Amino acid sequence: MDTVFKFLFDFLGQFFGSLWSIIQGLFAGIGSAFDFPAYINIINAYTTELGGLAWGIAILAIVLLIAVLGLIVWLIIVAVKKFIRSHRRRKDTDSLVKEVQALNKEVMRLNLEKDKILSMKVSQIGLNPNEIAELTGEEIEALNNGEEEQENGSRFYKLTEIDQLWADYVPPVYDNDITLPEFCDRFRLFACSRLGLYYDIKLIRLFVASFASTRLIILQGISGTGKTSLAYAFGKFINNPSIIASVQPSWRDRTELFGYFNEFTKKFNETELLRAMYEASYNENIYAVILDEMNIARVEYYFAEMLSILEMPSRDEWVVDIIPNAWPTDPKHIVNGQLQIPPNMWYIGTANNDDSTFAITDKVYDRAMPINIDTKGVAFDAEDTPPINISYKHFEDILNEAKAKYVVSEESLKKVGLLDDYVIEHFRIAFGNRIVKQLRDFVPAYVGTGGTEIDGLDYVLARKVFRKFESLNLSYIRDEIDGLCAYLDELFGEENMNESKDYLRMLKKLV
């Protein structure tokens, strides 16, 4: 056994002894390198032997050695600082990682709470999370305890109130003898004498005739030309003020129009538009809804359902789902959670064309009648003209009479067909059956208001057909525009179709 220990001592001692010699030699070398007294003794030993030039070389060697030693010391100091700094950074990084992990855990906890709240949405319309902040402490406590408030009253406060207010409604005496030209003239004079608003008679005729072709009218143009004022004046003229719905950039779905059912409060948050729609079902007045700044949000998002419903051929199909279930206390005219869209309501949107708004898509334009208002009206004098009481049935009757009396001539329809073929061939754009139907409805109504057939055709083609050219690459169709203007002159005469030709020339200038 002693032999083994001796072997291990000698064998391992060889390695560790050598390692210790290296360490000793390293520190001895460092000590010798910085042994300044030894350097002084060497200099003193050669003082008598060095001459002038030799002393210069010696001094240079001394300076270089001092520089090297100083560089070594500086490198050691820098290395120590970097080590300390990296150690501190590592500690800071570790603390930040721990803090981020704690924040992530908190975010996960909050997301779980949010998911629990959102999972409580059971209605088709759903819960608006913004309403959570409006709950009282008692409601939140009741919710946390799993308690559900049993409602004895109606969940539609405004609509139920209308049921009570209109229960004994007596309709007014309607002026059902007024003609379509008289309606336009009196509207213009009323706006001037009572409201100080000045509109050209052609604009009034275009506006009124639009009611015959669609339920959505778009008043567009630069700001400050009286778009909202025209729709507002119309409500005042028919003795039933227009309902103004100011569109917000956050509007993304139908709940902005109709409201939604709040699962917390068990109440339906009714909008002013829903209230007006329900009220319209009780009478025969004309209702105008103003969608102010309608393209500050995407129209096809919040108004898509209405566009589809209003295109249904039968008014019995004009039904919108308000709530997925029925309560015995629901308002009278909400049947099985559905409301019939009233036939006496039209929707008038105002649109500004600037960088702060969205472009209105073809889906919306094709279903609407756009009216451009780009100039301010010229002031004129008018005698005092009072508003009128007119039922929507008589208003529709005089529009339908115009459509029956002033049917678009076969000659004009043939020219429109030829123009359609020309546009398809040169621009790859077709009119579509919907636009032709609107043309057949709008043009006779425009003639009935006092306009002419050719001007009515001109306006529809400019605003419904040639407007589509804006979506094309104008640089490619620029040379074709002159040919189209010449073809319009050939079909309709050089003195006609000025609205369309002016619009086409304007597009050409944009290139």
Protein backbone atom coordinates (compact mmCIF):
# COMPACT_ATOMS: atom_id res chain seq x y z
CA MET A 1 0.00 0.00 0.00
CA ASP A 2 2.87 2.40 0.81
CA THR A 3 4.20 1.73 -2.65
CA VAL A 4 0.85 2.84 -4.18
CA PHE A 5 0.80 6.08 -2.19
CA LYS A 6 4.36 6.79 -3.17
CA PHE A 7 3.50 6.16 -6.81
CA LEU A 8 0.51 8.51 -6.70
CA PHE A 9 2.59 11.16 -4.88
CA ASP A 10 5.35 11.01 -7.44
CA PHE A 11 3.04 10.67 -10.44
CA LEU A 12 0.56 13.47 -9.55
CA GLY A 13 3.33 15.53 -7.97
CA GLN A 14 4.99 15.70 -11.36
CA PHE A 15 1.89 17.42 -12.84
CA PHE A 16 0.92 19.70 -9.96
CA GLY A 17 4.57 20.55 -9.31
CA SER A 18 4.95 21.65 -12.90
CA LEU A 19 1.69 23.64 -12.68
CA TRP A 20 2.93 25.34 -9.52
CA SER A 21 6.23 26.10 -11.20
CA ILE A 22 4.32 27.75 -14.08
CA ILE A 23 2.34 29.89 -11.62
CA GLN A 24 5.46 30.78 -9.69
CA GLY A 25 7.28 31.56 -12.91
CA LEU A 26 4.36 33.75 -14.11
CA PHE A 27 4.27 35.83 -10.96
CA ALA A 28 8.08 35.88 -10.83
CA GLY A 29 8.14 37.09 -14.43
CA ILE A 30 5.56 39.80 -13.67
CA GLY A 31 7.55 40.82 -10.60
CA SER A 32 10.79 40.93 -12.59
CA ALA A 33 9.13 42.95 -15.36
CA PHE A 34 8.06 45.59 -12.82
CA ASP A 35 11.28 45.43 -10.68
CA PHE A 36 12.15 49.10 -11.05
CA PRO A 37 15.17 49.00 -8.59
CA ALA A 38 16.82 46.36 -10.85
CA TYR A 39 16.39 48.69 -13.84
CA ILE A 40 18.02 51.52 -11.82
CA ASN A 41 20.98 49.31 -10.83
CA ILE A 42 21.56 48.36 -14.47
CA ILE A 43 21.52 52.01 -15.51
CA ASN A 44 23.98 52.92 -12.72
CA ALA A 45 26.28 50.06 -13.73
CA TYR A 46 26.63 51.42 -17.30
CA THR A 47 26.73 55.13 -16.45
CA THR A 48 30.48 55.44 -16.83
CA GLU A 49 30.72 53.31 -19.97
CA LEU A 50 28.00 55.02 -22.13
CA GLY A 51 28.94 57.87 -24.40
CA GLY A 52 26.86 60.67 -25.99
CA LEU A 53 25.20 58.65 -28.77
CA ALA A 54 24.94 55.58 -26.55
CA TRP A 55 23.08 57.62 -23.94
CA GLY A 56 20.56 58.69 -26.60
CA ILE A 57 19.89 55.07 -27.52
CA ALA A 58 19.66 54.12 -23.84
CA ILE A 59 17.15 56.88 -23.10
CA LEU A 60 15.03 55.79 -26.10
CA ALA A 61 15.04 52.19 -24.79
CA ILE A 62 14.02 53.40 -21.32
CA VAL A 63 11.10 55.43 -22.78
CA LEU A 64 9.90 52.50 -24.93
CA LEU A 65 10.02 50.16 -21.93
CA ILE A 66 8.04 52.59 -19.80
CA ALA A 67 5.45 52.87 -22.62
CA VAL A 68 5.15 49.09 -22.90
CA LEU A 69 4.73 48.71 -19.13
CA GLY A 70 2.14 51.51 -19.12
CA LEU A 71 0.25 49.83 -21.99
CA ILE A 72 0.20 46.55 -20.06
CA VAL A 73 -1.18 48.30 -16.97
CA TRP A 74 -3.82 50.11 -19.07
CA LEU A 75 -4.93 46.85 -20.73
CA ILE A 76 -5.27 45.19 -17.32
CA ILE A 77 -7.40 48.10 -16.02
CA VAL A 78 -9.63 48.03 -19.14
CA ALA A 79 -10.13 44.27 -18.86
CA VAL A 80 -11.12 44.59 -15.20
CA LYS A 81 -13.62 47.36 -16.00
CA LYS A 82 -15.18 45.34 -18.81
CA PHE A 83 -15.52 42.34 -16.54
CA ILE A 84 -17.23 44.44 -13.85
CA ARG A 85 -19.51 46.11 -16.43
CA SER A 86 -20.52 42.82 -18.05
CA HIS A 87 -21.25 41.37 -14.65
CA ARG A 88 -23.51 44.30 -13.79
CA ARG A 89 -25.22 44.08 -17.21
CA ARG A 90 -25.87 40.41 -16.70
CA LYS A 91 -27.48 41.16 -13.36
CA ASP A 92 -29.64 43.92 -14.91
CA THR A 93 -30.66 41.61 -17.78
CA ASP A 94 -31.64 38.90 -15.33
CA SER A 95 -33.81 41.35 -13.38
CA LEU A 96 -35.47 42.62 -16.60
CA VAL A 97 -36.19 39.06 -17.72
CA LYS A 98 -37.80 38.33 -14.38
CA GLU A 99 -39.88 41.53 -14.65
CA VAL A 100 -41.02 40.68 -18.21
CA GLN A 101 -41.98 37.20 -17.11
CA ALA A 102 -44.05 38.67 -14.29
CA LEU A 103 -45.76 41.08 -16.72
CA ASN A 104 -46.50 38.24 -19.16
CA LYS A 105 -48.14 36.29 -16.38
CA GLU A 106 -50.27 39.34 -15.52
CA VAL A 107 -51.27 39.81 -19.18
CA MET A 108 -52.27 36.15 -19.40
CA ARG A 109 -54.39 36.55 -16.29
CA LEU A 110 -56.11 39.64 -17.68
CA ASN A 111 -56.74 37.90 -21.02
CA LEU A 112 -58.36 35.01 -19.21
CA GLU A 113 -60.62 37.45 -17.38
CA LYS A 114 -61.47 39.16 -20.68
CA ASP A 115 -62.27 35.82 -22.30
CA LYS A 116 -64.59 34.97 -19.43
CA ILE A 117 -66.44 38.24 -19.97
CA LEU A 118 -66.66 37.83 -23.75
CA SER A 119 -67.86 34.25 -23.37
CA MET A 120 -71.01 35.62 -21.77
CA LYS A 121 -72.17 36.99 -25.12
CA VAL A 122 -75.04 34.77 -26.20
CA SER A 123 -77.03 37.10 -28.36
CA GLN A 124 -76.56 37.36 -32.10
CA ILE A 125 -75.71 41.06 -31.83
CA GLY A 126 -73.35 40.51 -28.94
CA LEU A 127 -72.01 42.53 -26.05
CA ASN A 128 -70.23 45.81 -26.47
CA PRO A 129 -67.21 45.63 -24.13
CA ASN A 130 -67.35 49.41 -23.62
CA GLU A 131 -70.54 48.94 -21.64
CA ILE A 132 -68.64 47.08 -18.90
CA ALA A 133 -67.36 50.39 -17.55
CA GLU A 134 -70.93 51.65 -17.20
CA LEU A 135 -72.05 48.89 -14.84
CA THR A 136 -72.71 49.76 -11.22
CA GLY A 137 -71.03 48.00 -8.35
CA GLU A 138 -74.26 46.19 -7.49
CA GLU A 139 -74.57 44.82 -11.03
CA ILE A 140 -70.99 43.56 -11.02
CA GLU A 141 -71.48 41.97 -7.61
CA ALA A 142 -74.69 40.31 -8.75
CA LEU A 143 -72.92 39.03 -11.84
CA ASN A 144 -70.01 37.62 -9.81
CA ASN A 145 -72.46 35.85 -7.53
CA GLY A 146 -74.16 34.28 -10.53
CA GLU A 147 -77.39 36.18 -9.95
CA GLU A 148 -79.57 37.16 -12.91
CA GLU A 149 -81.96 40.03 -12.63
CA GLN A 150 -85.45 38.99 -13.66
CA GLU A 151 -86.94 41.68 -15.85
CA ASN A 152 -90.60 42.43 -15.49
CA GLY A 153 -90.51 45.40 -17.89
CA SER A 154 -89.53 45.68 -21.54
CA ARG A 155 -85.92 45.52 -22.61
CA PHE A 156 -86.69 48.19 -25.27
CA TYR A 157 -87.23 51.40 -23.32
CA LYS A 158 -87.53 53.85 -26.24
CA LEU A 159 -89.63 51.58 -28.43
CA THR A 160 -92.04 50.73 -25.62
CA GLU A 161 -92.40 54.43 -24.94
CA ILE A 162 -93.36 54.94 -28.61
CA ASP A 163 -96.06 52.28 -28.23
CA GLN A 164 -97.55 54.37 -25.44
CA LEU A 165 -97.14 57.78 -27.10
CA TRP A 166 -98.57 56.73 -30.46
CA ALA A 167 -101.39 54.55 -29.16
CA ASP A 168 -103.99 57.28 -29.78
CA TYR A 169 -102.29 58.87 -32.80
CA VAL A 170 -104.54 60.86 -35.12
CA PRO A 171 -102.97 61.51 -38.55
CA PRO A 172 -102.83 65.13 -39.77
CA VAL A 173 -104.62 66.45 -42.82
CA TYR A 174 -102.26 65.67 -45.68
CA ASP A 175 -101.83 67.90 -48.72
CA ASN A 176 -102.39 65.11 -51.19
CA ASP A 177 -103.24 67.36 -54.10
CA ILE A 178 -99.74 68.71 -54.65
CA THR A 179 -98.06 67.79 -57.93
CA LEU A 180 -94.44 66.83 -58.47
CA PRO A 181 -93.38 70.16 -60.11
CA GLU A 182 -95.19 72.07 -57.34
CA PHE A 183 -93.40 69.96 -54.74
CA CYS A 184 -89.99 70.91 -56.18
CA ASP A 185 -90.82 74.60 -56.59
CA ARG A 186 -92.26 74.94 -53.08
CA PHE A 187 -89.33 73.06 -51.56
CA ARG A 188 -86.89 75.47 -53.18
CA LEU A 189 -88.88 78.53 -52.08
CA PHE A 190 -89.28 77.14 -48.55
CA ALA A 191 -85.53 76.57 -48.19
CA CYS A 192 -84.91 80.13 -49.30
CA SER A 193 -87.60 81.97 -47.33
CA ARG A 194 -87.56 79.98 -44.08
CA LEU A 195 -83.99 78.64 -43.85
CA GLY A 196 -81.91 81.06 -45.95
CA LEU A 197 -80.64 78.20 -48.13
CA TYR A 198 -80.32 78.71 -51.88
CA TYR A 199 -80.48 75.82 -54.31
CA ASP A 200 -80.69 75.67 -58.08
CA ILE A 201 -83.97 74.21 -59.34
CA LYS A 202 -82.06 71.53 -61.30
CA LEU A 203 -80.43 70.29 -58.09
CA ILE A 204 -83.84 70.15 -56.39
CA ARG A 205 -85.26 68.15 -59.31
CA LEU A 206 -82.36 65.72 -59.26
CA PHE A 207 -82.75 65.27 -55.51
CA VAL A 208 -86.50 64.67 -55.60
CA ALA A 209 -86.33 62.37 -58.64
CA SER A 210 -83.77 60.23 -56.82
CA PHE A 211 -86.47 59.14 -54.37
CA ALA A 212 -88.11 57.27 -57.24
CA SER A 213 -85.10 55.09 -58.09
CA THR A 214 -83.51 54.09 -54.80
CA ARG A 215 -83.74 54.23 -51.02
CA LEU A 216 -80.16 55.50 -50.64
CA ILE A 217 -79.21 58.93 -51.96
CA ILE A 218 -75.60 60.12 -51.70
CA LEU A 219 -74.93 63.85 -51.66
CA GLN A 220 -71.25 64.27 -52.40
CA GLY A 221 -68.80 67.03 -53.17
CA ILE A 222 -66.44 69.44 -51.50
CA SER A 223 -67.08 70.54 -47.94
CA GLY A 224 -69.30 73.54 -47.30
CA THR A 225 -71.59 73.34 -50.34
CA GLY A 226 -74.76 72.54 -48.41
CA LYS A 227 -75.04 68.76 -48.61
CA THR A 228 -76.26 68.20 -45.07
CA SER A 229 -78.32 71.38 -45.23
CA LEU A 230 -80.25 70.07 -48.25
CA ALA A 231 -81.24 66.86 -46.46
CA TYR A 232 -82.03 68.84 -43.29
CA ALA A 233 -84.18 71.31 -45.25
CA PHE A 234 -86.10 68.43 -46.82
CA GLY A 235 -87.13 67.17 -43.37
CA LYS A 236 -88.24 70.64 -42.35
CA PHE A 237 -90.22 71.08 -45.58
CA ILE A 238 -92.24 67.88 -45.09
CA ASN A 239 -92.91 68.80 -41.44
CA ASN A 240 -90.96 65.81 -40.13
CA PRO A 241 -87.38 66.75 -39.14
CA SER A 242 -84.67 64.51 -40.56
CA ILE A 243 -82.93 62.07 -38.25
CA ILE A 244 -79.21 62.82 -38.22
CA ALA A 245 -76.88 59.88 -37.59
CA SER A 246 -73.30 61.18 -37.42
CA VAL A 247 -71.10 58.38 -38.73
CA GLN A 248 -67.95 57.73 -36.68
CA PRO A 249 -64.61 56.28 -37.89
CA SER A 250 -65.13 53.29 -35.57
CA TRP A 251 -68.33 52.12 -37.27
CA ARG A 252 -67.74 48.57 -38.50
CA ASP A 253 -71.01 46.67 -38.26
CA ARG A 254 -74.81 46.93 -38.09
CA THR A 255 -74.87 47.48 -34.31
CA GLU A 256 -73.95 51.12 -34.98
CA LEU A 257 -77.28 51.54 -36.78
CA PHE A 258 -79.65 49.45 -34.70
CA GLY A 259 -77.99 48.99 -31.32
CA TYR A 260 -77.30 45.80 -29.38
CA PHE A 261 -78.54 43.75 -26.46
CA ASN A 262 -76.49 44.12 -23.27
CA GLU A 263 -76.22 40.77 -21.51
CA PHE A 264 -75.21 42.45 -18.26
CA THR A 265 -78.09 44.89 -17.92
CA LYS A 266 -80.59 42.75 -19.90
CA LYS A 267 -81.51 45.90 -21.82
CA PHE A 268 -81.32 46.70 -25.52
CA ASN A 269 -79.26 49.79 -26.29
CA GLU A 270 -81.46 51.47 -28.88
CA THR A 271 -80.07 53.94 -31.38
CA GLU A 272 -81.88 57.02 -32.62
CA LEU A 273 -82.20 55.39 -36.04
CA LEU A 274 -83.93 52.33 -34.57
CA ARG A 275 -86.28 54.59 -32.65
CA ALA A 276 -87.14 56.51 -35.83
CA MET A 277 -87.68 53.29 -37.80
CA TYR A 278 -90.06 52.03 -35.17
CA GLU A 279 -91.91 55.33 -34.98
CA ALA A 280 -92.28 55.35 -38.78
CA SER A 281 -94.26 52.13 -38.58
CA TYR A 282 -97.04 54.06 -36.77
CA ASN A 283 -97.75 56.71 -39.42
CA GLU A 284 -97.58 57.66 -43.10
CA ASN A 285 -95.16 60.58 -42.81
CA ILE A 286 -92.02 60.70 -44.92
CA TYR A 287 -88.88 59.95 -42.90
CA ALA A 288 -85.40 61.01 -44.01
CA VAL A 289 -82.33 59.62 -42.25
CA ILE A 290 -79.11 61.60 -42.74
CA LEU A 291 -75.95 59.49 -42.59
CA ASP A 292 -73.67 62.46 -42.08
CA GLU A 293 -70.05 62.00 -43.25
CA MET A 294 -71.03 58.49 -44.31
CA ASN A 295 -67.63 57.64 -45.83
CA ILE A 296 -65.59 58.56 -42.76
CA ALA A 297 -66.00 54.82 -42.13
CA ARG A 298 -66.41 52.08 -44.72
CA VAL A 299 -70.03 52.20 -45.85
CA GLU A 300 -70.04 48.56 -46.97
CA TYR A 301 -69.24 47.51 -43.39
CA TYR A 302 -72.02 49.11 -41.37
CA PHE A 303 -74.66 49.50 -44.12
CA ALA A 304 -74.15 46.23 -46.02
CA GLU A 305 -77.19 44.48 -44.57
CA MET A 306 -79.47 47.42 -45.33
CA LEU A 307 -78.22 47.58 -48.92
CA SER A 308 -79.14 43.93 -49.40
CA ILE A 309 -82.51 44.14 -47.69
CA LEU A 310 -83.66 47.27 -49.53
CA GLU A 311 -82.96 45.56 -52.86
CA MET A 312 -85.54 42.87 -52.16
CA PRO A 313 -88.36 43.15 -54.75
CA SER A 314 -91.14 42.66 -52.18
CA ARG A 315 -91.46 45.01 -49.22
CA ASP A 316 -92.67 42.07 -47.16
CA GLU A 317 -89.05 40.91 -47.30
CA TRP A 318 -87.77 44.18 -45.85
CA VAL A 319 -87.19 42.63 -42.45
CA VAL A 320 -84.21 43.06 -40.16
CA ASP A 321 -83.30 40.83 -37.21
CA ILE A 322 -83.08 42.93 -34.07
CA ILE A 323 -82.88 40.29 -31.33
CA PRO A 324 -82.54 36.50 -31.59
CA ASN A 325 -85.38 35.67 -29.21
CA ALA A 326 -88.77 37.07 -28.22
CA TRP A 327 -90.03 38.24 -24.84
CA PRO A 328 -93.69 38.79 -24.01
CA THR A 329 -92.89 42.38 -23.04
CA ASP A 330 -91.26 43.29 -26.38
CA PRO A 331 -92.69 46.27 -28.35
CA LYS A 332 -95.78 45.57 -30.45
CA HIS A 333 -94.14 45.91 -33.85
CA ILE A 334 -91.16 43.68 -33.07
CA VAL A 335 -92.39 40.22 -33.97
CA ASN A 336 -90.21 37.21 -33.17
CA GLY A 337 -87.27 39.55 -32.70
CA GLN A 338 -87.70 41.09 -36.17
CA LEU A 339 -88.67 44.59 -37.31
CA GLN A 340 -90.23 45.47 -40.65
CA ILE A 341 -88.23 48.23 -42.32
CA PRO A 342 -90.77 51.01 -42.89
CA PRO A 343 -91.63 51.84 -46.52
CA ASN A 344 -91.84 55.55 -45.68
CA MET A 345 -88.14 55.95 -44.85
CA TRP A 346 -85.28 57.02 -47.14
CA TYR A 347 -81.57 57.24 -46.32
CA ILE A 348 -79.52 60.26 -47.39
CA GLY A 349 -75.77 60.03 -47.02
CA THR A 350 -73.39 62.97 -47.22
CA ALA A 351 -69.85 62.31 -48.44
CA ASN A 352 -66.77 64.51 -48.64
CA ASN A 353 -64.04 63.57 -51.07
CA ASP A 354 -60.76 64.20 -49.25
CA ASP A 355 -57.85 62.39 -47.65
CA SER A 356 -59.70 61.85 -44.35
CA THR A 357 -62.39 59.64 -45.89
CA PHE A 358 -62.69 56.24 -47.56
CA ALA A 359 -63.57 55.79 -51.21
CA ILE A 360 -67.15 54.64 -51.70
CA THR A 361 -67.11 51.28 -53.46
CA ASP A 362 -69.05 50.28 -56.58
CA LYS A 363 -71.21 48.00 -54.43
CA VAL A 364 -72.59 51.08 -52.68
CA TYR A 365 -72.66 53.41 -55.70
CA ASP A 366 -74.54 50.88 -57.84
CA ARG A 367 -77.34 50.67 -55.28
CA ALA A 368 -77.52 54.41 -54.61
CA MET A 369 -78.13 57.59 -56.56
CA PRO A 370 -75.17 59.97 -56.20
CA ILE A 371 -75.77 63.70 -56.55
CA ASN A 372 -72.79 66.01 -56.86
CA ILE A 373 -72.95 69.38 -55.10
CA ASP A 374 -69.76 71.24 -55.98
CA THR A 375 -70.97 74.85 -56.02
CA LYS A 376 -72.75 77.11 -53.60
CA GLY A 377 -76.24 78.28 -54.48
CA VAL A 378 -76.86 81.79 -55.78
CA ALA A 379 -79.02 83.96 -53.53
CA PHE A 380 -82.48 84.94 -54.78
CA ASP A 381 -85.68 86.43 -53.38
CA ALA A 382 -88.65 84.22 -52.52
CA GLU A 383 -92.01 84.84 -50.91
CA ASP A 384 -92.64 83.18 -47.57
CA THR A 385 -93.47 79.53 -48.22
CA PRO A 386 -94.73 77.29 -45.38
CA PRO A 387 -93.91 73.60 -45.01
CA ILE A 388 -96.34 70.94 -46.20
CA ASN A 389 -97.89 67.79 -44.80
CA ILE A 390 -97.64 65.02 -47.36
CA SER A 391 -98.03 61.29 -46.89
CA TYR A 392 -95.43 58.95 -48.26
CA LYS A 393 -98.13 57.18 -50.22
CA HIS A 394 -99.03 60.34 -52.14
CA PHE A 395 -95.35 61.12 -52.62
CA GLU A 396 -94.81 57.67 -54.11
CA ASP A 397 -97.99 58.03 -56.18
CA ILE A 398 -96.86 61.22 -57.91
CA LEU A 399 -93.45 59.67 -58.55
CA ASN A 400 -95.07 56.52 -59.97
CA GLU A 401 -97.40 58.62 -62.10
CA ALA A 402 -94.39 60.33 -63.60
CA LYS A 403 -92.74 56.97 -64.26
CA ALA A 404 -95.88 55.77 -66.04
CA LYS A 405 -96.42 59.01 -67.98
CA TYR A 406 -92.87 59.79 -69.04
CA VAL A 407 -91.49 56.36 -69.86
CA VAL A 408 -88.03 56.52 -71.38
CA SER A 409 -88.43 56.46 -75.14
CA GLU A 410 -87.39 53.41 -77.13
CA GLU A 411 -85.10 55.61 -79.20
CA SER A 412 -83.22 56.73 -76.09
CA LEU A 413 -82.99 53.17 -74.77
CA LYS A 414 -81.62 52.03 -78.12
CA LYS A 415 -78.96 54.75 -77.98
CA VAL A 416 -78.10 53.72 -74.43
CA GLY A 417 -77.70 50.13 -75.67
CA LEU A 418 -75.36 51.26 -78.44
CA LEU A 419 -73.39 53.31 -75.93
CA ASP A 420 -73.17 50.27 -73.66
CA ASP A 421 -71.65 48.25 -76.50
CA TYR A 422 -69.16 51.03 -77.25
CA VAL A 423 -68.07 51.30 -73.60
CA ILE A 424 -67.66 47.53 -73.33
CA GLU A 425 -65.55 47.42 -76.47
CA HIS A 426 -63.26 50.35 -75.64
CA PHE A 427 -63.21 50.43 -71.82
CA ARG A 428 -64.24 46.91 -70.75
CA ILE A 429 -67.01 48.28 -68.53
CA ALA A 430 -70.70 47.32 -68.73
CA PHE A 431 -73.74 49.18 -67.41
CA GLY A 432 -75.44 46.28 -65.66
CA ASN A 433 -79.16 45.58 -65.25
CA ARG A 434 -79.34 47.44 -61.94
CA ILE A 435 -78.22 50.73 -63.50
CA VAL A 436 -80.60 50.32 -66.44
CA LYS A 437 -83.48 49.77 -64.02
CA GLN A 438 -82.54 52.88 -62.06
CA LEU A 439 -82.33 54.80 -65.32
CA ARG A 440 -85.89 53.70 -66.19
CA ASP A 441 -87.08 54.89 -62.76
CA PHE A 442 -85.06 58.06 -62.36
CA VAL A 443 -85.36 59.66 -65.80
CA PRO A 444 -89.22 59.67 -65.95
CA ALA A 445 -89.35 61.04 -62.40
CA TYR A 446 -86.87 63.75 -63.37
CA VAL A 447 -89.05 64.64 -66.37
CA GLY A 448 -92.04 64.71 -64.02
CA THR A 449 -90.32 67.29 -61.81
CA GLY A 450 -89.92 69.60 -64.80
CA GLY A 451 -86.66 68.40 -66.34
CA THR A 452 -86.00 66.85 -69.73
CA GLU A 453 -85.37 63.26 -70.71
CA ILE A 454 -82.01 63.96 -72.32
CA ASP A 455 -80.75 65.78 -69.21
CA GLY A 456 -81.93 62.91 -67.02
CA LEU A 457 -80.11 60.38 -69.20
CA ASP A 458 -77.05 62.60 -69.20
CA TYR A 459 -76.94 62.76 -65.42
CA VAL A 460 -77.37 59.00 -64.89
CA LEU A 461 -74.69 58.16 -67.43
CA ALA A 462 -72.25 60.67 -65.93
CA ARG A 463 -72.75 59.70 -62.28
CA LYS A 464 -73.53 55.99 -62.56
CA VAL A 465 -71.58 54.78 -65.61
CA PHE A 466 -68.71 57.09 -66.49
CA ARG A 467 -67.88 57.43 -62.81
CA LYS A 468 -66.57 53.85 -63.03
CA PHE A 469 -63.73 55.11 -65.24
CA GLU A 470 -62.03 56.45 -62.12
CA SER A 471 -61.11 52.87 -61.21
CA LEU A 472 -59.29 52.39 -64.54
CA ASN A 473 -55.77 53.43 -65.41
CA LEU A 474 -56.53 56.87 -66.82
CA SER A 475 -53.26 57.06 -68.71
CA TYR A 476 -54.34 54.08 -70.83
CA ILE A 477 -57.84 55.36 -71.62
CA ARG A 478 -56.88 58.99 -72.20
CA ASP A 479 -56.82 58.65 -75.97
CA GLU A 480 -60.17 56.84 -75.93
CA ILE A 481 -61.99 59.64 -74.08
CA ASP A 482 -62.07 61.97 -77.09
CA GLY A 483 -63.54 59.17 -79.18
CA LEU A 484 -66.23 58.56 -76.54
CA CYS A 485 -67.16 62.27 -76.48
CA ALA A 486 -67.43 62.24 -80.27
CA TYR A 487 -69.64 59.14 -80.09
CA LEU A 488 -71.91 60.89 -77.57
CA ASP A 489 -72.24 63.80 -80.00
CA GLU A 490 -73.09 61.36 -82.77
CA LEU A 491 -75.77 59.59 -80.73
CA PHE A 492 -77.39 62.46 -78.82
CA GLY A 493 -76.30 65.63 -80.61
CA GLU A 494 -73.47 68.05 -79.92
CA GLU A 495 -75.70 70.33 -77.84
CA ASN A 496 -76.62 67.52 -75.39
CA MET A 497 -74.86 65.28 -72.85
CA ASN A 498 -72.81 68.18 -71.48
CA GLU A 499 -72.70 66.70 -67.96
CA SER A 500 -71.11 63.49 -69.27
CA LYS A 501 -68.69 65.23 -71.62
CA ASP A 502 -67.54 67.68 -68.95
CA TYR A 503 -66.94 64.80 -66.56
CA LEU A 504 -64.97 62.82 -69.15
CA ARG A 505 -62.82 65.84 -70.01
CA MET A 506 -62.16 66.36 -66.32
CA LEU A 507 -60.91 62.75 -66.07
CA LYS A 508 -58.61 63.39 -69.01
CA LYS A 509 -57.05 66.37 -67.22
CA LEU A 510 -56.22 64.17 -64.24
CA VAL A 511 -53.74 62.15 -66.27
